[in-house]
Amino acid sequence: MDFTTLFKAPESEGKEKHVPIIEILKNHGGKNETLVLVTVGKEVPHPNTIEHHIVWIELFGIKKDTNQVICLGHQNFAPTFTEPTSKFKVKIDDFKALGALAYCNIHGVWKNTLDL
């Protein structure tokens, strides 16, 4: 079985929002550094209860020259206490794309990518 077939993409989205939205925040970091914001439920909040919540978000970068996938960070969330939003300070010049995964304890792993 191909494990990646279990990842859900934006076109699978229902009434609850699970897709991690990736945004580049320019001029927030130092030289050659940029803040990358990853949010689940930006437009419509995802439930945040003990029974149904986003457990974690991960951010990956795909290098321009080698296509190597680099894990740039991982953030865990405590249900009811924290919202599924993460900021990562990234040197994005070497990357051609960013990818994010988000895990919902009921609906599984969701993915999104952003070409740079």
PDB file of N, CA and C in Angstrom:
ATOM      1  N   MET A   1       0.842  -1.189   0.000  1.00  0.00           N
ATOM      2  CA  MET A   1       0.000   0.000   0.000  1.00  0.00           C
ATOM      3  C   MET A   1       0.880   1.244   0.000  1.00  0.00           C
ATOM      4  N   ASP A   2       0.486   2.223  -0.776  1.00  0.00           N
ATOM      5  CA  ASP A   2       1.180   3.513  -0.817  1.00  0.00           C
ATOM      6  C   ASP A   2       0.607   4.407   0.279  1.00  0.00           C
ATOM      7  N   PHE A   3       1.419   4.650   1.312  1.00  0.00           N
ATOM      8  CA  PHE A   3       0.995   5.428   2.479  1.00  0.00           C
ATOM      9  C   PHE A   3       0.480   6.814   2.090  1.00  0.00           C
ATOM     10  N   THR A   4       1.073   7.436   1.063  1.00  0.00           N
ATOM     11  CA  THR A   4       0.680   8.802   0.693  1.00  0.00           C
ATOM     12  C   THR A   4      -0.738   8.875   0.132  1.00  0.00           C
ATOM     13  N   THR A   5      -1.309   7.750  -0.285  1.00  0.00           N
ATOM     14  CA  THR A   5      -2.691   7.777  -0.774  1.00  0.00           C
ATOM     15  C   THR A   5      -3.681   8.055   0.350  1.00  0.00           C
ATOM     16  N   LEU A   6      -3.220   7.926   1.604  1.00  0.00           N
ATOM     17  CA  LEU A   6      -4.086   8.215   2.750  1.00  0.00           C
ATOM     18  C   LEU A   6      -4.169   9.712   3.044  1.00  0.00           C
ATOM     19  N   PHE A   7      -3.262  10.515   2.479  1.00  0.00           N
ATOM     20  CA  PHE A   7      -3.272  11.961   2.705  1.00  0.00           C
ATOM     21  C   PHE A   7      -4.412  12.577   1.916  1.00  0.00           C
ATOM     22  N   LYS A   8      -5.154  13.455   2.554  1.00  0.00           N
ATOM     23  CA  LYS A   8      -6.283  14.103   1.902  1.00  0.00           C
ATOM     24  C   LYS A   8      -5.860  15.484   1.401  1.00  0.00           C
ATOM     25  N   ALA A   9      -6.340  15.842   0.217  1.00  0.00           N
ATOM     26  CA  ALA A   9      -5.986  17.095  -0.432  1.00  0.00           C
ATOM     27  C   ALA A   9      -7.147  18.091  -0.342  1.00  0.00           C
ATOM     28  N   PRO A  10      -6.895  19.358  -0.721  1.00  0.00           N
ATOM     29  CA  PRO A  10      -7.938  20.385  -0.621  1.00  0.00           C
ATOM     30  C   PRO A  10      -9.262  20.019  -1.288  1.00  0.00           C
ATOM     31  N   GLU A  11      -9.233  19.283  -2.370  1.00  0.00           N
ATOM     32  CA  GLU A  11     -10.475  18.936  -3.061  1.00  0.00           C
ATOM     33  C   GLU A  11     -11.351  17.968  -2.260  1.00  0.00           C
ATOM     34  N   SER A  12     -10.812  17.378  -1.194  1.00  0.00           N
ATOM     35  CA  SER A  12     -11.579  16.474  -0.329  1.00  0.00           C
ATOM     36  C   SER A  12     -12.274  17.194   0.822  1.00  0.00           C
ATOM     37  N   GLU A  13     -12.065  18.500   0.901  1.00  0.00           N
ATOM     38  CA  GLU A  13     -12.554  19.288   2.038  1.00  0.00           C
ATOM     39  C   GLU A  13     -14.075  19.259   2.125  1.00  0.00           C
ATOM     40  N   GLY A  14     -14.579  19.141   3.345  1.00  0.00           N
ATOM     41  CA  GLY A  14     -16.014  19.170   3.610  1.00  0.00           C
ATOM     42  C   GLY A  14     -16.360  20.423   4.385  1.00  0.00           C
ATOM     43  N   LYS A  15     -17.368  20.334   5.251  1.00  0.00           N
ATOM     44  CA  LYS A  15     -17.788  21.509   6.022  1.00  0.00           C
ATOM     45  C   LYS A  15     -16.757  21.907   7.070  1.00  0.00           C
ATOM     46  N   GLU A  16     -16.049  20.930   7.645  1.00  0.00           N
ATOM     47  CA  GLU A  16     -14.982  21.244   8.594  1.00  0.00           C
ATOM     48  C   GLU A  16     -13.690  21.446   7.817  1.00  0.00           C
ATOM     49  N   LYS A  17     -12.976  22.480   8.137  1.00  0.00           N
ATOM     50  CA  LYS A  17     -11.784  22.820   7.380  1.00  0.00           C
ATOM     51  C   LYS A  17     -10.548  22.161   7.989  1.00  0.00           C
ATOM     52  N   HIS A  18      -9.846  21.372   7.166  1.00  0.00           N
ATOM     53  CA  HIS A  18      -8.688  20.606   7.606  1.00  0.00           C
ATOM     54  C   HIS A  18      -7.403  20.954   6.859  1.00  0.00           C
ATOM     55  N   VAL A  19      -7.525  21.505   5.670  1.00  0.00           N
ATOM     56  CA  VAL A  19      -6.353  21.738   4.822  1.00  0.00           C
ATOM     57  C   VAL A  19      -5.451  22.803   5.444  1.00  0.00           C
ATOM     58  N   PRO A  20      -4.156  22.501   5.599  1.00  0.00           N
ATOM     59  CA  PRO A  20      -3.243  23.512   6.131  1.00  0.00           C
ATOM     60  C   PRO A  20      -2.979  24.596   5.078  1.00  0.00           C
ATOM     61  N   ILE A  21      -3.248  25.834   5.432  1.00  0.00           N
ATOM     62  CA  ILE A  21      -3.022  26.970   4.534  1.00  0.00           C
ATOM     63  C   ILE A  21      -1.622  27.514   4.814  1.00  0.00           C
ATOM     64  N   ILE A  22      -0.817  27.649   3.761  1.00  0.00           N
ATOM     65  CA  ILE A  22       0.570  28.126   3.882  1.00  0.00           C
ATOM     66  C   ILE A  22       0.637  29.559   3.379  1.00  0.00           C
ATOM     67  N   GLU A  23       1.144  30.465   4.212  1.00  0.00           N
ATOM     68  CA  GLU A  23       1.295  31.867   3.826  1.00  0.00           C
ATOM     69  C   GLU A  23       2.728  32.316   4.093  1.00  0.00           C
ATOM     70  N   ILE A  24       3.247  33.135   3.186  1.00  0.00           N
ATOM     71  CA  ILE A  24       4.570  33.723   3.337  1.00  0.00           C
ATOM     72  C   ILE A  24       4.393  35.135   3.878  1.00  0.00           C
ATOM     73  N   LEU A  25       5.028  35.432   5.006  1.00  0.00           N
ATOM     74  CA  LEU A  25       4.964  36.761   5.609  1.00  0.00           C
ATOM     75  C   LEU A  25       6.302  37.451   5.362  1.00  0.00           C
ATOM     76  N   LYS A  26       6.363  38.280   4.359  1.00  0.00           N
ATOM     77  CA  LYS A  26       7.601  38.970   3.974  1.00  0.00           C
ATOM     78  C   LYS A  26       7.978  40.040   4.987  1.00  0.00           C
ATOM     79  N   ASN A  27       9.271  40.319   5.050  1.00  0.00           N
ATOM     80  CA  ASN A  27       9.831  41.386   5.889  1.00  0.00           C
ATOM     81  C   ASN A  27       9.572  41.192   7.381  1.00  0.00           C
ATOM     82  N   HIS A  28       9.383  39.963   7.807  1.00  0.00           N
ATOM     83  CA  HIS A  28       9.213  39.700   9.226  1.00  0.00           C
ATOM     84  C   HIS A  28      10.433  39.022   9.833  1.00  0.00           C
ATOM     85  N   GLY A  29      11.309  38.492   9.004  1.00  0.00           N
ATOM     86  CA  GLY A  29      12.503  37.817   9.500  1.00  0.00           C
ATOM     87  C   GLY A  29      13.733  38.651   9.229  1.00  0.00           C
ATOM     88  N   GLY A  30      14.883  38.090   9.550  1.00  0.00           N
ATOM     89  CA  GLY A  30      16.141  38.774   9.285  1.00  0.00           C
ATOM     90  C   GLY A  30      16.556  38.609   7.836  1.00  0.00           C
ATOM     91  N   LYS A  31      17.823  38.842   7.562  1.00  0.00           N
ATOM     92  CA  LYS A  31      18.340  38.728   6.198  1.00  0.00           C
ATOM     93  C   LYS A  31      18.145  37.299   5.680  1.00  0.00           C
ATOM     94  N   ASN A  32      17.545  37.174   4.503  1.00  0.00           N
ATOM     95  CA  ASN A  32      17.264  35.891   3.864  1.00  0.00           C
ATOM     96  C   ASN A  32      16.358  34.983   4.699  1.00  0.00           C
ATOM     97  N   GLU A  33      15.652  35.552   5.635  1.00  0.00           N
ATOM     98  CA  GLU A  33      14.735  34.761   6.453  1.00  0.00           C
ATOM     99  C   GLU A  33      13.321  35.320   6.301  1.00  0.00           C
ATOM    100  N   THR A  34      12.384  34.425   6.285  1.00  0.00           N
ATOM    101  CA  THR A  34      10.990  34.791   6.100  1.00  0.00           C
ATOM    102  C   THR A  34      10.161  33.997   7.092  1.00  0.00           C
ATOM    103  N   LEU A  35       9.084  34.575   7.548  1.00  0.00           N
ATOM    104  CA  LEU A  35       8.154  33.822   8.386  1.00  0.00           C
ATOM    105  C   LEU A  35       7.144  33.114   7.489  1.00  0.00           C
ATOM    106  N   VAL A  36       6.932  31.850   7.772  1.00  0.00           N
ATOM    107  CA  VAL A  36       5.930  31.054   7.074  1.00  0.00           C
ATOM    108  C   VAL A  36       4.851  30.731   8.101  1.00  0.00           C
ATOM    109  N   LEU A  37       3.630  31.087   7.778  1.00  0.00           N
ATOM    110  CA  LEU A  37       2.496  30.848   8.653  1.00  0.00           C
ATOM    111  C   LEU A  37       1.689  29.673   8.091  1.00  0.00           C
ATOM    112  N   VAL A  38       1.424  28.683   8.927  1.00  0.00           N
ATOM    113  CA  VAL A  38       0.595  27.544   8.530  1.00  0.00           C
ATOM    114  C   VAL A  38      -0.604  27.508   9.470  1.00  0.00           C
ATOM    115  N   THR A  39      -1.796  27.535   8.873  1.00  0.00           N
ATOM    116  CA  THR A  39      -3.033  27.605   9.647  1.00  0.00           C
ATOM    117  C   THR A  39      -4.023  26.561   9.159  1.00  0.00           C
ATOM    118  N   VAL A  40      -4.699  25.912  10.085  1.00  0.00           N
ATOM    119  CA  VAL A  40      -5.818  25.038   9.743  1.00  0.00           C
ATOM    120  C   VAL A  40      -7.078  25.745  10.225  1.00  0.00           C
ATOM    121  N   GLY A  41      -8.041  25.873   9.320  1.00  0.00           N
ATOM    122  CA  GLY A  41      -9.293  26.534   9.682  1.00  0.00           C
ATOM    123  C   GLY A  41      -9.208  28.046   9.617  1.00  0.00           C
ATOM    124  N   LYS A  42      -8.500  28.568   8.629  1.00  0.00           N
ATOM    125  CA  LYS A  42      -8.334  30.017   8.510  1.00  0.00           C
ATOM    126  C   LYS A  42      -9.670  30.726   8.257  1.00  0.00           C
ATOM    127  N   GLU A  43     -10.425  30.256   7.295  1.00  0.00           N
ATOM    128  CA  GLU A  43     -11.703  30.885   6.948  1.00  0.00           C
ATOM    129  C   GLU A  43     -12.846  30.379   7.837  1.00  0.00           C
ATOM    130  N   VAL A  44     -12.897  29.079   8.038  1.00  0.00           N
ATOM    131  CA  VAL A  44     -13.906  28.443   8.881  1.00  0.00           C
ATOM    132  C   VAL A  44     -13.152  27.659   9.945  1.00  0.00           C
ATOM    133  N   PRO A  45     -13.269  28.041  11.205  1.00  0.00           N
ATOM    134  CA  PRO A  45     -12.491  27.359  12.253  1.00  0.00           C
ATOM    135  C   PRO A  45     -12.778  25.858  12.329  1.00  0.00           C
ATOM    136  N   HIS A  46     -11.709  25.109  12.502  1.00  0.00           N
ATOM    137  CA  HIS A  46     -11.840  23.668  12.719  1.00  0.00           C
ATOM    138  C   HIS A  46     -12.273  23.455  14.167  1.00  0.00           C
ATOM    139  N   PRO A  47     -13.098  22.430  14.460  1.00  0.00           N
ATOM    140  CA  PRO A  47     -13.449  22.159  15.854  1.00  0.00           C
ATOM    141  C   PRO A  47     -12.195  21.979  16.715  1.00  0.00           C
ATOM    142  N   ASN A  48     -12.285  22.413  17.952  1.00  0.00           N
ATOM    143  CA  ASN A  48     -11.140  22.311  18.853  1.00  0.00           C
ATOM    144  C   ASN A  48     -11.627  21.797  20.208  1.00  0.00           C
ATOM    145  N   THR A  49     -12.093  20.543  20.174  1.00  0.00           N
ATOM    146  CA  THR A  49     -12.599  19.901  21.390  1.00  0.00           C
ATOM    147  C   THR A  49     -11.747  18.665  21.669  1.00  0.00           C
ATOM    148  N   ILE A  50     -11.908  18.106  22.835  1.00  0.00           N
ATOM    149  CA  ILE A  50     -11.198  16.871  23.169  1.00  0.00           C
ATOM    150  C   ILE A  50     -11.545  15.787  22.151  1.00  0.00           C
ATOM    151  N   GLU A  51     -12.814  15.733  21.751  1.00  0.00           N
ATOM    152  CA  GLU A  51     -13.281  14.696  20.838  1.00  0.00           C
ATOM    153  C   GLU A  51     -12.837  14.911  19.394  1.00  0.00           C
ATOM    154  N   HIS A  52     -12.627  16.162  18.976  1.00  0.00           N
ATOM    155  CA  HIS A  52     -12.317  16.474  17.567  1.00  0.00           C
ATOM    156  C   HIS A  52     -11.407  17.691  17.513  1.00  0.00           C
ATOM    157  N   HIS A  53     -10.156  17.480  17.093  1.00  0.00           N
ATOM    158  CA  HIS A  53      -9.185  18.578  17.060  1.00  0.00           C
ATOM    159  C   HIS A  53      -8.025  18.280  16.114  1.00  0.00           C
ATOM    160  N   ILE A  54      -7.260  19.315  15.800  1.00  0.00           N
ATOM    161  CA  ILE A  54      -6.017  19.167  15.043  1.00  0.00           C
ATOM    162  C   ILE A  54      -4.923  18.846  16.053  1.00  0.00           C
ATOM    163  N   VAL A  55      -4.217  17.744  15.828  1.00  0.00           N
ATOM    164  CA  VAL A  55      -3.194  17.268  16.757  1.00  0.00           C
ATOM    165  C   VAL A  55      -1.843  17.915  16.472  1.00  0.00           C
ATOM    166  N   TRP A  56      -1.479  18.006  15.174  1.00  0.00           N
ATOM    167  CA  TRP A  56      -0.184  18.590  14.813  1.00  0.00           C
ATOM    168  C   TRP A  56      -0.177  19.143  13.395  1.00  0.00           C
ATOM    169  N   ILE A  57       0.821  19.998  13.144  1.00  0.00           N
ATOM    170  CA  ILE A  57       1.131  20.538  11.815  1.00  0.00           C
ATOM    171  C   ILE A  57       2.618  20.325  11.577  1.00  0.00           C
ATOM    172  N   GLU A  58       2.989  19.947  10.344  1.00  0.00           N
ATOM    173  CA  GLU A  58       4.396  19.854   9.946  1.00  0.00           C
ATOM    174  C   GLU A  58       4.600  20.680   8.684  1.00  0.00           C
ATOM    175  N   LEU A  59       5.783  21.284   8.572  1.00  0.00           N
ATOM    176  CA  LEU A  59       6.145  22.059   7.385  1.00  0.00           C
ATOM    177  C   LEU A  59       7.394  21.455   6.763  1.00  0.00           C
ATOM    178  N   PHE A  60       7.370  21.305   5.441  1.00  0.00           N
ATOM    179  CA  PHE A  60       8.487  20.757   4.682  1.00  0.00           C
ATOM    180  C   PHE A  60       8.886  21.727   3.582  1.00  0.00           C
ATOM    181  N   GLY A  61      10.160  21.677   3.190  1.00  0.00           N
ATOM    182  CA  GLY A  61      10.642  22.438   2.049  1.00  0.00           C
ATOM    183  C   GLY A  61      11.221  21.485   1.021  1.00  0.00           C
ATOM    184  N   ILE A  62      11.020  21.786  -0.278  1.00  0.00           N
ATOM    185  CA  ILE A  62      11.604  21.001  -1.356  1.00  0.00           C
ATOM    186  C   ILE A  62      12.694  21.850  -1.979  1.00  0.00           C
ATOM    187  N   LYS A  63      13.956  21.370  -1.889  1.00  0.00           N
ATOM    188  CA  LYS A  63      15.102  22.150  -2.357  1.00  0.00           C
ATOM    189  C   LYS A  63      15.100  22.297  -3.872  1.00  0.00           C
ATOM    190  N   LYS A  64      15.526  23.475  -4.345  1.00  0.00           N
ATOM    191  CA  LYS A  64      15.568  23.784  -5.775  1.00  0.00           C
ATOM    192  C   LYS A  64      16.520  22.869  -6.536  1.00  0.00           C
ATOM    193  N   ASP A  65      17.718  22.698  -6.015  1.00  0.00           N
ATOM    194  CA  ASP A  65      18.769  22.015  -6.777  1.00  0.00           C
ATOM    195  C   ASP A  65      18.693  20.494  -6.740  1.00  0.00           C
ATOM    196  N   THR A  66      18.164  19.905  -5.677  1.00  0.00           N
ATOM    197  CA  THR A  66      18.209  18.445  -5.528  1.00  0.00           C
ATOM    198  C   THR A  66      16.846  17.777  -5.351  1.00  0.00           C
ATOM    199  N   ASN A  67      15.783  18.554  -5.188  1.00  0.00           N
ATOM    200  CA  ASN A  67      14.447  18.029  -4.874  1.00  0.00           C
ATOM    201  C   ASN A  67      14.395  17.328  -3.518  1.00  0.00           C
ATOM    202  N   GLN A  68      15.427  17.520  -2.707  1.00  0.00           N
ATOM    203  CA  GLN A  68      15.450  16.915  -1.379  1.00  0.00           C
ATOM    204  C   GLN A  68      14.356  17.533  -0.517  1.00  0.00           C
ATOM    205  N   VAL A  69      13.669  16.689   0.232  1.00  0.00           N
ATOM    206  CA  VAL A  69      12.625  17.153   1.141  1.00  0.00           C
ATOM    207  C   VAL A  69      13.251  17.362   2.515  1.00  0.00           C
ATOM    208  N   ILE A  70      13.102  18.583   3.048  1.00  0.00           N
ATOM    209  CA  ILE A  70      13.657  18.944   4.353  1.00  0.00           C
ATOM    210  C   ILE A  70      12.500  19.223   5.304  1.00  0.00           C
ATOM    211  N   CYS A  71      12.499  18.552   6.447  1.00  0.00           N
ATOM    212  CA  CYS A  71      11.489  18.852   7.470  1.00  0.00           C
ATOM    213  C   CYS A  71      11.906  20.151   8.155  1.00  0.00           C
ATOM    214  N   LEU A  72      11.084  21.175   8.037  1.00  0.00           N
ATOM    215  CA  LEU A  72      11.407  22.492   8.587  1.00  0.00           C
ATOM    216  C   LEU A  72      10.837  22.697   9.985  1.00  0.00           C
ATOM    217  N   GLY A  73       9.872  21.897  10.386  1.00  0.00           N
ATOM    218  CA  GLY A  73       9.342  22.044  11.730  1.00  0.00           C
ATOM    219  C   GLY A  73       8.078  21.248  11.954  1.00  0.00           C
ATOM    220  N   HIS A  74       7.774  21.064  13.235  1.00  0.00           N
ATOM    221  CA  HIS A  74       6.612  20.297  13.672  1.00  0.00           C
ATOM    222  C   HIS A  74       6.044  20.998  14.903  1.00  0.00           C
ATOM    223  N   GLN A  75       4.726  21.126  14.958  1.00  0.00           N
ATOM    224  CA  GLN A  75       4.078  21.769  16.100  1.00  0.00           C
ATOM    225  C   GLN A  75       2.914  20.904  16.569  1.00  0.00           C
ATOM    226  N   ASN A  76       2.897  20.580  17.865  1.00  0.00           N
ATOM    227  CA  ASN A  76       1.782  19.850  18.479  1.00  0.00           C
ATOM    228  C   ASN A  76       0.818  20.836  19.129  1.00  0.00           C
ATOM    229  N   PHE A  77      -0.453  20.433  19.221  1.00  0.00           N
ATOM    230  CA  PHE A  77      -1.470  21.298  19.809  1.00  0.00           C
ATOM    231  C   PHE A  77      -2.234  20.559  20.895  1.00  0.00           C
ATOM    232  N   ALA A  78      -2.538  21.253  21.970  1.00  0.00           N
ATOM    233  CA  ALA A  78      -3.358  20.710  23.046  1.00  0.00           C
ATOM    234  C   ALA A  78      -4.805  21.103  22.764  1.00  0.00           C
ATOM    235  N   PRO A  79      -5.702  20.134  22.656  1.00  0.00           N
ATOM    236  CA  PRO A  79      -7.090  20.470  22.345  1.00  0.00           C
ATOM    237  C   PRO A  79      -7.688  21.393  23.396  1.00  0.00           C
ATOM    238  N   THR A  80      -8.473  22.319  22.918  1.00  0.00           N
ATOM    239  CA  THR A  80      -9.204  23.351  23.662  1.00  0.00           C
ATOM    240  C   THR A  80      -8.297  24.478  24.157  1.00  0.00           C
ATOM    241  N   PHE A  81      -6.992  24.262  24.300  1.00  0.00           N
ATOM    242  CA  PHE A  81      -6.088  25.286  24.823  1.00  0.00           C
ATOM    243  C   PHE A  81      -5.310  26.039  23.745  1.00  0.00           C
ATOM    244  N   THR A  82      -5.009  25.381  22.619  1.00  0.00           N
ATOM    245  CA  THR A  82      -4.224  26.023  21.562  1.00  0.00           C
ATOM    246  C   THR A  82      -4.933  25.891  20.222  1.00  0.00           C
ATOM    247  N   GLU A  83      -4.729  26.885  19.369  1.00  0.00           N
ATOM    248  CA  GLU A  83      -5.322  26.882  18.035  1.00  0.00           C
ATOM    249  C   GLU A  83      -4.298  26.337  17.036  1.00  0.00           C
ATOM    250  N   PRO A  84      -4.750  25.670  15.965  1.00  0.00           N
ATOM    251  CA  PRO A  84      -3.834  25.067  15.000  1.00  0.00           C
ATOM    252  C   PRO A  84      -3.228  26.078  14.017  1.00  0.00           C
ATOM    253  N   THR A  85      -2.328  26.891  14.554  1.00  0.00           N
ATOM    254  CA  THR A  85      -1.596  27.882  13.767  1.00  0.00           C
ATOM    255  C   THR A  85      -0.139  27.855  14.205  1.00  0.00           C
ATOM    256  N   SER A  86       0.765  27.839  13.225  1.00  0.00           N
ATOM    257  CA  SER A  86       2.200  27.800  13.531  1.00  0.00           C
ATOM    258  C   SER A  86       2.957  28.784  12.665  1.00  0.00           C
ATOM    259  N   LYS A  87       3.979  29.414  13.245  1.00  0.00           N
ATOM    260  CA  LYS A  87       4.896  30.275  12.502  1.00  0.00           C
ATOM    261  C   LYS A  87       6.264  29.620  12.506  1.00  0.00           C
ATOM    262  N   PHE A  88       6.892  29.617  11.327  1.00  0.00           N
ATOM    263  CA  PHE A  88       8.224  29.057  11.167  1.00  0.00           C
ATOM    264  C   PHE A  88       9.121  30.120  10.530  1.00  0.00           C
ATOM    265  N   LYS A  89      10.292  30.357  11.094  1.00  0.00           N
ATOM    266  CA  LYS A  89      11.262  31.280  10.512  1.00  0.00           C
ATOM    267  C   LYS A  89      12.145  30.457   9.588  1.00  0.00           C
ATOM    268  N   VAL A  90      12.060  30.734   8.275  1.00  0.00           N
ATOM    269  CA  VAL A  90      12.671  29.872   7.267  1.00  0.00           C
ATOM    270  C   VAL A  90      13.523  30.694   6.300  1.00  0.00           C
ATOM    271  N   LYS A  91      14.677  30.165   5.926  1.00  0.00           N
ATOM    272  CA  LYS A  91      15.473  30.727   4.832  1.00  0.00           C
ATOM    273  C   LYS A  91      14.966  30.066   3.556  1.00  0.00           C
ATOM    274  N   ILE A  92      14.035  30.725   2.866  1.00  0.00           N
ATOM    275  CA  ILE A  92      13.325  30.074   1.759  1.00  0.00           C
ATOM    276  C   ILE A  92      14.037  30.159   0.407  1.00  0.00           C
ATOM    277  N   ASP A  93      15.145  30.887   0.318  1.00  0.00           N
ATOM    278  CA  ASP A  93      15.816  31.075  -0.978  1.00  0.00           C
ATOM    279  C   ASP A  93      16.221  29.769  -1.655  1.00  0.00           C
ATOM    280  N   ASP A  94      16.528  28.735  -0.886  1.00  0.00           N
ATOM    281  CA  ASP A  94      16.968  27.459  -1.453  1.00  0.00           C
ATOM    282  C   ASP A  94      15.824  26.525  -1.831  1.00  0.00           C
ATOM    283  N   PHE A  95      14.590  26.933  -1.556  1.00  0.00           N
ATOM    284  CA  PHE A  95      13.452  26.037  -1.770  1.00  0.00           C
ATOM    285  C   PHE A  95      12.610  26.464  -2.965  1.00  0.00           C
ATOM    286  N   LYS A  96      12.081  25.466  -3.674  1.00  0.00           N
ATOM    287  CA  LYS A  96      11.183  25.749  -4.797  1.00  0.00           C
ATOM    288  C   LYS A  96       9.717  25.571  -4.403  1.00  0.00           C
ATOM    289  N   ALA A  97       9.481  24.892  -3.283  1.00  0.00           N
ATOM    290  CA  ALA A  97       8.103  24.689  -2.813  1.00  0.00           C
ATOM    291  C   ALA A  97       8.116  24.391  -1.327  1.00  0.00           C
ATOM    292  N   LEU A  98       6.979  24.657  -0.713  1.00  0.00           N
ATOM    293  CA  LEU A  98       6.755  24.295   0.675  1.00  0.00           C
ATOM    294  C   LEU A  98       5.553  23.360   0.724  1.00  0.00           C
ATOM    295  N   GLY A  99       5.602  22.419   1.639  1.00  0.00           N
ATOM    296  CA  GLY A  99       4.485  21.503   1.826  1.00  0.00           C
ATOM    297  C   GLY A  99       4.121  21.444   3.294  1.00  0.00           C
ATOM    298  N   ALA A 100       2.846  21.290   3.579  1.00  0.00           N
ATOM    299  CA  ALA A 100       2.401  21.196   4.967  1.00  0.00           C
ATOM    300  C   ALA A 100       1.462  20.014   5.121  1.00  0.00           C
ATOM    301  N   LEU A 101       1.551  19.381   6.284  1.00  0.00           N
ATOM    302  CA  LEU A 101       0.645  18.312   6.670  1.00  0.00           C
ATOM    303  C   LEU A 101      -0.032  18.713   7.971  1.00  0.00           C
ATOM    304  N   ALA A 102      -1.286  18.322   8.128  1.00  0.00           N
ATOM    305  CA  ALA A 102      -2.018  18.555   9.370  1.00  0.00           C
ATOM    306  C   ALA A 102      -2.777  17.273   9.699  1.00  0.00           C
ATOM    307  N   TYR A 103      -2.760  16.897  10.983  1.00  0.00           N
ATOM    308  CA  TYR A 103      -3.418  15.674  11.408  1.00  0.00           C
ATOM    309  C   TYR A 103      -4.622  15.977  12.301  1.00  0.00           C
ATOM    310  N   CYS A 104      -5.794  15.562  11.847  1.00  0.00           N
ATOM    311  CA  CYS A 104      -7.035  15.657  12.618  1.00  0.00           C
ATOM    312  C   CYS A 104      -7.266  14.297  13.272  1.00  0.00           C
ATOM    313  N   ASN A 105      -7.577  14.293  14.560  1.00  0.00           N
ATOM    314  CA  ASN A 105      -7.726  13.026  15.272  1.00  0.00           C
ATOM    315  C   ASN A 105      -8.887  12.177  14.757  1.00  0.00           C
ATOM    316  N   ILE A 106      -9.810  12.768  14.008  1.00  0.00           N
ATOM    317  CA  ILE A 106     -10.934  12.004  13.451  1.00  0.00           C
ATOM    318  C   ILE A 106     -10.778  11.769  11.941  1.00  0.00           C
ATOM    319  N   HIS A 107     -10.357  12.794  11.194  1.00  0.00           N
ATOM    320  CA  HIS A 107     -10.372  12.735   9.734  1.00  0.00           C
ATOM    321  C   HIS A 107      -9.022  12.499   9.075  1.00  0.00           C
ATOM    322  N   GLY A 108      -7.970  12.239   9.848  1.00  0.00           N
ATOM    323  CA  GLY A 108      -6.690  11.847   9.274  1.00  0.00           C
ATOM    324  C   GLY A 108      -5.773  12.985   8.881  1.00  0.00           C
ATOM    325  N   VAL A 109      -4.862  12.664   7.948  1.00  0.00           N
ATOM    326  CA  VAL A 109      -3.795  13.587   7.538  1.00  0.00           C
ATOM    327  C   VAL A 109      -4.215  14.334   6.277  1.00  0.00           C
ATOM    328  N   TRP A 110      -4.034  15.659   6.314  1.00  0.00           N
ATOM    329  CA  TRP A 110      -4.376  16.548   5.204  1.00  0.00           C
ATOM    330  C   TRP A 110      -3.114  17.221   4.713  1.00  0.00           C
ATOM    331  N   LYS A 111      -3.044  17.493   3.414  1.00  0.00           N
ATOM    332  CA  LYS A 111      -1.836  18.067   2.834  1.00  0.00           C
ATOM    333  C   LYS A 111      -2.153  19.295   1.987  1.00  0.00           C
ATOM    334  N   ASN A 112      -1.123  20.116   1.805  1.00  0.00           N
ATOM    335  CA  ASN A 112      -1.217  21.261   0.900  1.00  0.00           C
ATOM    336  C   ASN A 112       0.210  21.623   0.499  1.00  0.00           C
ATOM    337  N   THR A 113       0.371  22.239  -0.673  1.00  0.00           N
ATOM    338  CA  THR A 113       1.675  22.701  -1.115  1.00  0.00           C
ATOM    339  C   THR A 113       1.574  24.127  -1.641  1.00  0.00           C
ATOM    340  N   LEU A 114       2.717  24.808  -1.606  1.00  0.00           N
ATOM    341  CA  LEU A 114       2.812  26.158  -2.127  1.00  0.00           C
ATOM    342  C   LEU A 114       4.090  26.248  -2.937  1.00  0.00           C
ATOM    343  N   ASP A 115       3.962  26.485  -4.248  1.00  0.00           N
ATOM    344  CA  ASP A 115       5.137  26.693  -5.102  1.00  0.00           C
ATOM    345  C   ASP A 115       5.668  28.093  -4.858  1.00  0.00           C
ATOM    346  N   LEU A 116       6.987  28.216  -4.739  1.00  0.00           N
ATOM    347  CA  LEU A 116       7.604  29.514  -4.458  1.00  0.00           C
ATOM    348  C   LEU A 116       8.091  30.187  -5.734  1.00  0.00           C
TER     349      LEU A 116
END
